[in-house]
């Protein structure tokens, strides 16, 4: 569901017994998330966000000392 241009509401997901969630198909398509992709979970006291690590890959490589 498109909330406003460039902002989305994908619905509600349920956390399973093992702490897993299913990312809705539409969200996977919008953000080009595929099986095997690495995701970074960020958060503060107000909430959390999940982003593909490739967005931060340069900084991650720098922190890990990789070229």
PDB file of N, CA and C in Angstrom:
ATOM      1  N   UNK A   1       0.855  -1.184   0.000  1.00  0.00           N
ATOM      2  CA  UNK A   1       0.000   0.000   0.000  1.00  0.00           C
ATOM      3  C   UNK A   1       0.893   1.235   0.000  1.00  0.00           C
ATOM      4  N   UNK A   2       0.636   2.163  -0.851  1.00  0.00           N
ATOM      5  CA  UNK A   2       1.404   3.389  -0.946  1.00  0.00           C
ATOM      6  C   UNK A   2       0.782   4.434  -0.029  1.00  0.00           C
ATOM      7  N   UNK A   3       1.523   4.888   0.979  1.00  0.00           N
ATOM      8  CA  UNK A   3       1.019   5.888   1.915  1.00  0.00           C
ATOM      9  C   UNK A   3       1.093   7.281   1.281  1.00  0.00           C
ATOM     10  N   UNK A   4       2.235   7.612   0.755  1.00  0.00           N
ATOM     11  CA  UNK A   4       2.436   8.816  -0.051  1.00  0.00           C
ATOM     12  C   UNK A   4       3.657   8.527  -0.893  1.00  0.00           C
ATOM     13  N   UNK A   5       3.890   9.313  -1.906  1.00  0.00           N
ATOM     14  CA  UNK A   5       4.957   8.998  -2.851  1.00  0.00           C
ATOM     15  C   UNK A   5       6.273   8.683  -2.137  1.00  0.00           C
ATOM     16  N   UNK A   6       6.783   7.468  -2.383  1.00  0.00           N
ATOM     17  CA  UNK A   6       8.044   7.055  -1.794  1.00  0.00           C
ATOM     18  C   UNK A   6       7.956   6.535  -0.370  1.00  0.00           C
ATOM     19  N   UNK A   7       6.756   6.500   0.198  1.00  0.00           N
ATOM     20  CA  UNK A   7       6.571   5.986   1.557  1.00  0.00           C
ATOM     21  C   UNK A   7       5.545   4.867   1.478  1.00  0.00           C
ATOM     22  N   UNK A   8       5.812   3.788   2.202  1.00  0.00           N
ATOM     23  CA  UNK A   8       4.977   2.597   2.073  1.00  0.00           C
ATOM     24  C   UNK A   8       4.493   2.084   3.408  1.00  0.00           C
ATOM     25  N   UNK A   9       3.339   1.443   3.371  1.00  0.00           N
ATOM     26  CA  UNK A   9       2.841   0.646   4.478  1.00  0.00           C
ATOM     27  C   UNK A   9       2.630  -0.738   3.884  1.00  0.00           C
ATOM     28  N   UNK A  10       3.389  -1.713   4.356  1.00  0.00           N
ATOM     29  CA  UNK A  10       3.320  -3.047   3.790  1.00  0.00           C
ATOM     30  C   UNK A  10       2.412  -3.987   4.574  1.00  0.00           C
ATOM     31  N   UNK A  11       1.910  -3.554   5.698  1.00  0.00           N
ATOM     32  CA  UNK A  11       1.029  -4.396   6.494  1.00  0.00           C
ATOM     33  C   UNK A  11       1.686  -4.816   7.786  1.00  0.00           C
ATOM     34  N   UNK A  12       1.051  -5.752   8.449  1.00  0.00           N
ATOM     35  CA  UNK A  12       1.502  -6.233   9.749  1.00  0.00           C
ATOM     36  C   UNK A  12       2.096  -7.633   9.578  1.00  0.00           C
ATOM     37  N   UNK A  13       3.211  -7.889  10.248  1.00  0.00           N
ATOM     38  CA  UNK A  13       3.801  -9.227  10.248  1.00  0.00           C
ATOM     39  C   UNK A  13       3.829  -9.735  11.681  1.00  0.00           C
ATOM     40  N   UNK A  14       3.833 -11.035  11.822  1.00  0.00           N
ATOM     41  CA  UNK A  14       3.853 -11.642  13.151  1.00  0.00           C
ATOM     42  C   UNK A  14       5.234 -12.248  13.395  1.00  0.00           C
ATOM     43  N   UNK A  15       5.739 -12.073  14.594  1.00  0.00           N
ATOM     44  CA  UNK A  15       7.015 -12.664  14.981  1.00  0.00           C
ATOM     45  C   UNK A  15       6.761 -14.106  15.389  1.00  0.00           C
ATOM     46  N   UNK A  16       7.512 -15.028  14.777  1.00  0.00           N
ATOM     47  CA  UNK A  16       7.367 -16.448  15.092  1.00  0.00           C
ATOM     48  C   UNK A  16       8.074 -16.808  16.388  1.00  0.00           C
ATOM     49  N   UNK A  17       7.932 -18.045  16.793  1.00  0.00           N
ATOM     50  CA  UNK A  17       8.521 -18.520  18.045  1.00  0.00           C
ATOM     51  C   UNK A  17      10.033 -18.366  18.077  1.00  0.00           C
ATOM     52  N   UNK A  18      10.671 -18.447  16.918  1.00  0.00           N
ATOM     53  CA  UNK A  18      12.130 -18.320  16.848  1.00  0.00           C
ATOM     54  C   UNK A  18      12.573 -16.878  16.578  1.00  0.00           C
ATOM     55  N   UNK A  19      11.651 -15.922  16.668  1.00  0.00           N
ATOM     56  CA  UNK A  19      11.988 -14.520  16.463  1.00  0.00           C
ATOM     57  C   UNK A  19      12.038 -14.114  15.007  1.00  0.00           C
ATOM     58  N   UNK A  20      11.549 -14.950  14.122  1.00  0.00           N
ATOM     59  CA  UNK A  20      11.601 -14.661  12.700  1.00  0.00           C
ATOM     60  C   UNK A  20      10.351 -13.925  12.234  1.00  0.00           C
ATOM     61  N   UNK A  21      10.534 -13.091  11.212  1.00  0.00           N
ATOM     62  CA  UNK A  21       9.408 -12.447  10.547  1.00  0.00           C
ATOM     63  C   UNK A  21       9.533 -12.718   9.054  1.00  0.00           C
ATOM     64  N   UNK A  22       8.417 -12.608   8.355  1.00  0.00           N
ATOM     65  CA  UNK A  22       8.415 -12.719   6.906  1.00  0.00           C
ATOM     66  C   UNK A  22       8.261 -11.315   6.352  1.00  0.00           C
ATOM     67  N   UNK A  23       9.196 -10.914   5.504  1.00  0.00           N
ATOM     68  CA  UNK A  23       9.109  -9.605   4.861  1.00  0.00           C
ATOM     69  C   UNK A  23       8.100  -9.742   3.720  1.00  0.00           C
ATOM     70  N   UNK A  24       7.060  -8.912   3.718  1.00  0.00           N
ATOM     71  CA  UNK A  24       6.032  -9.039   2.685  1.00  0.00           C
ATOM     72  C   UNK A  24       6.617  -8.978   1.263  1.00  0.00           C
ATOM     73  N   UNK A  25       6.001  -9.728   0.366  1.00  0.00           N
ATOM     74  CA  UNK A  25       6.474  -9.821  -1.020  1.00  0.00           C
ATOM     75  C   UNK A  25       6.628  -8.446  -1.657  1.00  0.00           C
ATOM     76  N   UNK A  26       5.655  -7.579  -1.479  1.00  0.00           N
ATOM     77  CA  UNK A  26       5.717  -6.248  -2.083  1.00  0.00           C
ATOM     78  C   UNK A  26       6.943  -5.483  -1.573  1.00  0.00           C
ATOM     79  N   UNK A  27       7.244  -5.591  -0.288  1.00  0.00           N
ATOM     80  CA  UNK A  27       8.417  -4.917   0.275  1.00  0.00           C
ATOM     81  C   UNK A  27       9.694  -5.494  -0.321  1.00  0.00           C
ATOM     82  N   UNK A  28       9.750  -6.825  -0.462  1.00  0.00           N
ATOM     83  CA  UNK A  28      10.932  -7.458  -1.064  1.00  0.00           C
ATOM     84  C   UNK A  28      11.120  -6.988  -2.493  1.00  0.00           C
ATOM     85  N   UNK A  29      10.027  -6.814  -3.220  1.00  0.00           N
ATOM     86  CA  UNK A  29      10.116  -6.339  -4.597  1.00  0.00           C
ATOM     87  C   UNK A  29      10.559  -4.885  -4.658  1.00  0.00           C
ATOM     88  N   UNK A  30       9.961  -4.027  -3.837  1.00  0.00           N
ATOM     89  CA  UNK A  30      10.309  -2.600  -3.830  1.00  0.00           C
ATOM     90  C   UNK A  30      11.783  -2.398  -3.496  1.00  0.00           C
ATOM     91  N   UNK A  31      12.295  -3.155  -2.519  1.00  0.00           N
ATOM     92  CA  UNK A  31      13.667  -2.976  -2.048  1.00  0.00           C
ATOM     93  C   UNK A  31      14.635  -4.005  -2.610  1.00  0.00           C
ATOM     94  N   UNK A  32      14.172  -4.805  -3.569  1.00  0.00           N
ATOM     95  CA  UNK A  32      15.006  -5.806  -4.249  1.00  0.00           C
ATOM     96  C   UNK A  32      15.723  -6.707  -3.246  1.00  0.00           C
ATOM     97  N   UNK A  33      14.967  -7.223  -2.292  1.00  0.00           N
ATOM     98  CA  UNK A  33      15.510  -8.134  -1.287  1.00  0.00           C
ATOM     99  C   UNK A  33      15.298  -9.560  -1.776  1.00  0.00           C
ATOM    100  N   UNK A  34      16.392 -10.303  -1.805  1.00  0.00           N
ATOM    101  CA  UNK A  34      16.349 -11.678  -2.278  1.00  0.00           C
ATOM    102  C   UNK A  34      16.918 -12.612  -1.209  1.00  0.00           C
ATOM    103  N   UNK A  35      16.600 -13.905  -1.339  1.00  0.00           N
ATOM    104  CA  UNK A  35      17.140 -14.901  -0.411  1.00  0.00           C
ATOM    105  C   UNK A  35      18.658 -14.799  -0.398  1.00  0.00           C
ATOM    106  N   UNK A  36      19.245 -14.814   0.775  1.00  0.00           N
ATOM    107  CA  UNK A  36      20.695 -14.728   0.911  1.00  0.00           C
ATOM    108  C   UNK A  36      21.219 -13.314   1.107  1.00  0.00           C
ATOM    109  N   UNK A  37      20.383 -12.290   0.881  1.00  0.00           N
ATOM    110  CA  UNK A  37      20.821 -10.910   1.116  1.00  0.00           C
ATOM    111  C   UNK A  37      21.077 -10.701   2.601  1.00  0.00           C
ATOM    112  N   UNK A  38      22.025  -9.838   2.905  1.00  0.00           N
ATOM    113  CA  UNK A  38      22.296  -9.469   4.294  1.00  0.00           C
ATOM    114  C   UNK A  38      21.534  -8.198   4.622  1.00  0.00           C
ATOM    115  N   UNK A  39      20.877  -8.210   5.779  1.00  0.00           N
ATOM    116  CA  UNK A  39      20.120  -7.051   6.233  1.00  0.00           C
ATOM    117  C   UNK A  39      20.669  -6.589   7.567  1.00  0.00           C
ATOM    118  N   UNK A  40      20.656  -5.289   7.767  1.00  0.00           N
ATOM    119  CA  UNK A  40      21.130  -4.676   9.003  1.00  0.00           C
ATOM    120  C   UNK A  40      19.910  -4.225   9.787  1.00  0.00           C
ATOM    121  N   UNK A  41      19.845  -4.584  11.056  1.00  0.00           N
ATOM    122  CA  UNK A  41      18.734  -4.179  11.915  1.00  0.00           C
ATOM    123  C   UNK A  41      19.232  -3.042  12.803  1.00  0.00           C
ATOM    124  N   UNK A  42      18.599  -1.893  12.686  1.00  0.00           N
ATOM    125  CA  UNK A  42      18.955  -0.698  13.447  1.00  0.00           C
ATOM    126  C   UNK A  42      17.811  -0.368  14.388  1.00  0.00           C
ATOM    127  N   UNK A  43      18.101   0.298  15.484  1.00  0.00           N
ATOM    128  CA  UNK A  43      17.004   0.668  16.362  1.00  0.00           C
ATOM    129  C   UNK A  43      17.394   1.618  17.469  1.00  0.00           C
ATOM    130  N   UNK A  44      16.379   2.162  18.065  1.00  0.00           N
ATOM    131  CA  UNK A  44      16.520   2.956  19.273  1.00  0.00           C
ATOM    132  C   UNK A  44      15.316   2.621  20.151  1.00  0.00           C
ATOM    133  N   UNK A  45      15.079   3.392  21.184  1.00  0.00           N
ATOM    134  CA  UNK A  45      13.990   3.079  22.111  1.00  0.00           C
ATOM    135  C   UNK A  45      12.609   3.224  21.467  1.00  0.00           C
ATOM    136  N   UNK A  46      12.528   3.955  20.365  1.00  0.00           N
ATOM    137  CA  UNK A  46      11.239   4.204  19.725  1.00  0.00           C
ATOM    138  C   UNK A  46      10.864   3.154  18.694  1.00  0.00           C
ATOM    139  N   UNK A  47      11.836   2.452  18.148  1.00  0.00           N
ATOM    140  CA  UNK A  47      11.507   1.478  17.119  1.00  0.00           C
ATOM    141  C   UNK A  47      12.744   0.947  16.439  1.00  0.00           C
ATOM    142  N   UNK A  48      12.525   0.241  15.332  1.00  0.00           N
ATOM    143  CA  UNK A  48      13.650  -0.332  14.617  1.00  0.00           C
ATOM    144  C   UNK A  48      13.401  -0.282  13.120  1.00  0.00           C
ATOM    145  N   UNK A  49      14.476  -0.469  12.363  1.00  0.00           N
ATOM    146  CA  UNK A  49      14.412  -0.463  10.911  1.00  0.00           C
ATOM    147  C   UNK A  49      15.322  -1.559  10.382  1.00  0.00           C
ATOM    148  N   UNK A  50      14.991  -2.059   9.219  1.00  0.00           N
ATOM    149  CA  UNK A  50      15.780  -3.091   8.562  1.00  0.00           C
ATOM    150  C   UNK A  50      16.197  -2.545   7.204  1.00  0.00           C
ATOM    151  N   UNK A  51      17.503  -2.580   6.924  1.00  0.00           N
ATOM    152  CA  UNK A  51      18.018  -2.075   5.651  1.00  0.00           C
ATOM    153  C   UNK A  51      19.034  -3.048   5.068  1.00  0.00           C
ATOM    154  N   UNK A  52      19.127  -3.052   3.749  1.00  0.00           N
ATOM    155  CA  UNK A  52      20.125  -3.896   3.108  1.00  0.00           C
ATOM    156  C   UNK A  52      21.513  -3.377   3.471  1.00  0.00           C
ATOM    157  N   UNK A  53      22.412  -4.288   3.776  1.00  0.00           N
ATOM    158  CA  UNK A  53      23.753  -3.872   4.190  1.00  0.00           C
ATOM    159  C   UNK A  53      24.509  -3.161   3.079  1.00  0.00           C
ATOM    160  N   UNK A  54      24.151  -3.423   1.818  1.00  0.00           N
ATOM    161  CA  UNK A  54      24.890  -2.782   0.727  1.00  0.00           C
ATOM    162  C   UNK A  54      24.781  -1.259   0.780  1.00  0.00           C
ATOM    163  N   UNK A  55      23.747  -0.745   1.438  1.00  0.00           N
ATOM    164  CA  UNK A  55      23.610   0.702   1.597  1.00  0.00           C
ATOM    165  C   UNK A  55      24.773   1.240   2.431  1.00  0.00           C
ATOM    166  N   UNK A  56      25.226   0.436   3.377  1.00  0.00           N
ATOM    167  CA  UNK A  56      26.295   0.832   4.281  1.00  0.00           C
ATOM    168  C   UNK A  56      27.605   0.100   3.989  1.00  0.00           C
ATOM    169  N   UNK A  57      27.697  -0.603   2.872  1.00  0.00           N
ATOM    170  CA  UNK A  57      28.820  -1.497   2.614  1.00  0.00           C
ATOM    171  C   UNK A  57      30.178  -0.807   2.715  1.00  0.00           C
ATOM    172  N   UNK A  58      30.314   0.405   2.173  1.00  0.00           N
ATOM    173  CA  UNK A  58      31.596   1.107   2.250  1.00  0.00           C
ATOM    174  C   UNK A  58      32.018   1.323   3.698  1.00  0.00           C
ATOM    175  N   UNK A  59      31.100   1.751   4.543  1.00  0.00           N
ATOM    176  CA  UNK A  59      31.426   1.991   5.954  1.00  0.00           C
ATOM    177  C   UNK A  59      31.709   0.676   6.676  1.00  0.00           C
ATOM    178  N   UNK A  60      30.940  -0.356   6.358  1.00  0.00           N
ATOM    179  CA  UNK A  60      31.157  -1.659   6.980  1.00  0.00           C
ATOM    180  C   UNK A  60      32.564  -2.175   6.614  1.00  0.00           C
ATOM    181  N   UNK A  61      32.911  -2.088   5.333  1.00  0.00           N
ATOM    182  CA  UNK A  61      34.232  -2.505   4.895  1.00  0.00           C
ATOM    183  C   UNK A  61      35.329  -1.717   5.608  1.00  0.00           C
ATOM    184  N   UNK A  62      35.116  -0.414   5.748  1.00  0.00           N
ATOM    185  CA  UNK A  62      36.088   0.439   6.426  1.00  0.00           C
ATOM    186  C   UNK A  62      36.255   0.008   7.875  1.00  0.00           C
ATOM    187  N   UNK A  63      35.163  -0.267   8.574  1.00  0.00           N
ATOM    188  CA  UNK A  63      35.218  -0.682   9.967  1.00  0.00           C
ATOM    189  C   UNK A  63      35.893  -2.032  10.125  1.00  0.00           C
ATOM    190  N   UNK A  64      35.692  -2.911   9.163  1.00  0.00           N
ATOM    191  CA  UNK A  64      36.290  -4.245   9.222  1.00  0.00           C
ATOM    192  C   UNK A  64      37.691  -4.279   8.648  1.00  0.00           C
ATOM    193  N   UNK A  65      38.157  -3.139   8.148  1.00  0.00           N
ATOM    194  CA  UNK A  65      39.518  -3.050   7.595  1.00  0.00           C
ATOM    195  C   UNK A  65      39.672  -3.725   6.250  1.00  0.00           C
ATOM    196  N   UNK A  66      38.565  -3.848   5.504  1.00  0.00           N
ATOM    197  CA  UNK A  66      38.617  -4.464   4.186  1.00  0.00           C
ATOM    198  C   UNK A  66      38.704  -3.394   3.127  1.00  0.00           C
ATOM    199  N   UNK A  67      39.349  -3.717   2.018  1.00  0.00           N
ATOM    200  CA  UNK A  67      39.487  -2.740   0.925  1.00  0.00           C
ATOM    201  C   UNK A  67      38.300  -2.779   0.006  1.00  0.00           C
TER     202      UNK A  67
END
